[in-house]
Amino acid sequence: MPYALFTVPTSQRALKKLPQDVRRHLLVELQTLRANPMLGAQLKGKFRALRSLHTRYKGTDYRVVYQVQEKEQAITIWYAASRENFYRSLDKLPLPQ
């Protein structure tokens, strides 16, 4: 059974800031997580509860940080943006530890 995708206000705002074609690309990439939620890389340190999906669109790298809740079969999208300064911005967000 595929996992359900959920967003939080932080990720919704981040996605709205991206150009529409990039947003569409990321949404297609996120659909692959529904079948294989462990596809993204496990983060380390204080973000070890999260995973990061890496993707490239028109020569620019993008990251989507998400958390998998296996019991609920749910994926929560916490943040999405280009790779540039991504982890610096992520550090400022109220994320689960």
Protein backbone atom coordinates (compact mmCIF):
# COMPACT_ATOMS: atom_id res chain seq x y z
CA MET A 1 0.00 0.00 0.00
CA PRO A 2 1.47 3.40 -0.93
CA TYR A 3 2.37 5.87 1.77
CA ALA A 4 0.35 9.09 2.13
CA LEU A 5 2.13 12.44 1.62
CA PHE A 6 1.54 15.34 4.00
CA THR A 7 2.99 18.85 4.10
CA VAL A 8 3.48 21.28 6.94
CA PRO A 9 3.10 25.08 6.58
CA THR A 10 6.88 25.51 6.30
CA SER A 11 7.09 23.17 3.32
CA GLN A 12 4.02 24.71 1.70
CA ARG A 13 5.61 28.18 1.87
CA ALA A 14 8.92 26.85 0.55
CA LEU A 15 7.23 25.14 -2.39
CA LYS A 16 5.24 28.29 -3.24
CA LYS A 17 8.50 30.27 -3.49
CA LEU A 18 9.83 27.96 -6.19
CA PRO A 19 9.06 28.51 -9.90
CA GLN A 20 6.03 26.57 -11.10
CA ASP A 21 8.02 24.21 -13.36
CA VAL A 22 10.37 23.33 -10.48
CA ARG A 23 7.40 22.78 -8.18
CA ARG A 24 5.84 20.40 -10.72
CA HIS A 25 9.14 18.51 -11.02
CA LEU A 26 9.42 18.13 -7.23
CA LEU A 27 5.83 16.94 -6.91
CA VAL A 28 6.48 14.23 -9.51
CA GLU A 29 9.64 13.20 -7.65
CA LEU A 30 7.72 13.09 -4.36
CA GLN A 31 5.29 10.61 -5.85
CA THR A 32 8.16 8.11 -6.11
CA LEU A 33 8.47 8.30 -2.32
CA ARG A 34 4.95 6.94 -1.92
CA ALA A 35 6.13 3.55 -3.21
CA ASN A 36 9.66 3.69 -1.76
CA PRO A 37 9.86 6.07 1.24
CA MET A 38 13.44 5.07 2.07
CA LEU A 39 14.68 6.35 -1.31
CA GLY A 40 16.19 9.53 0.17
CA ALA A 41 19.40 9.68 2.16
CA GLN A 42 19.24 9.49 5.96
CA LEU A 43 20.48 12.76 7.48
CA LYS A 44 23.03 12.81 10.29
CA GLY A 45 23.53 14.69 13.52
CA LYS A 46 20.59 16.57 14.94
CA PHE A 47 18.55 15.85 11.78
CA ARG A 48 18.94 12.06 11.97
CA ALA A 49 15.14 11.57 12.20
CA LEU A 50 14.81 13.02 8.69
CA ARG A 51 15.63 11.93 5.15
CA SER A 52 16.63 14.04 2.14
CA LEU A 53 15.53 13.41 -1.44
CA HIS A 54 18.06 14.75 -3.94
CA THR A 55 16.96 15.74 -7.42
CA ARG A 56 18.22 17.87 -10.30
CA TYR A 57 16.17 20.06 -12.63
CA LYS A 58 17.63 22.11 -15.48
CA GLY A 59 21.12 21.96 -14.00
CA THR A 60 20.13 23.00 -10.46
CA ASP A 61 20.19 20.62 -7.49
CA TYR A 62 17.16 20.54 -5.20
CA ARG A 63 16.57 18.91 -1.85
CA VAL A 64 13.36 17.84 -0.11
CA VAL A 65 13.55 16.95 3.58
CA TYR A 66 10.94 14.55 4.86
CA GLN A 67 10.13 12.21 7.72
CA VAL A 68 8.71 8.71 7.40
CA GLN A 69 6.13 7.46 9.90
CA GLU A 70 6.06 3.74 9.23
CA LYS A 71 3.19 2.83 11.57
CA GLU A 72 0.87 5.39 9.97
CA GLN A 73 2.33 4.74 6.50
CA ALA A 74 2.77 8.49 6.11
CA ILE A 75 5.47 10.82 4.82
CA THR A 76 5.66 14.38 6.14
CA ILE A 77 7.41 16.91 3.89
CA TRP A 78 9.23 19.45 6.08
CA TYR A 79 11.14 21.64 3.63
CA ALA A 80 12.08 21.93 -0.05
CA ALA A 81 14.51 24.29 -1.81
CA SER A 82 17.55 24.48 -4.06
CA ARG A 83 20.77 22.99 -2.71
CA GLU A 84 22.39 26.40 -2.31
CA ASN A 85 22.29 27.32 1.40
CA PHE A 86 19.76 24.52 1.94
CA TYR A 87 21.23 23.11 5.12
CA ARG A 88 21.87 26.57 6.56
CA SER A 89 18.16 27.37 6.08
CA LEU A 90 17.17 23.96 7.43
CA ASP A 91 19.11 24.68 10.61
CA LYS A 92 16.83 27.68 11.32
CA LEU A 93 13.56 25.74 11.01
CA PRO A 94 11.63 24.12 13.87
CA LEU A 95 12.07 20.47 12.84
CA PRO A 96 11.65 17.22 14.76
CA GLN A 97 14.88 16.08 16.37
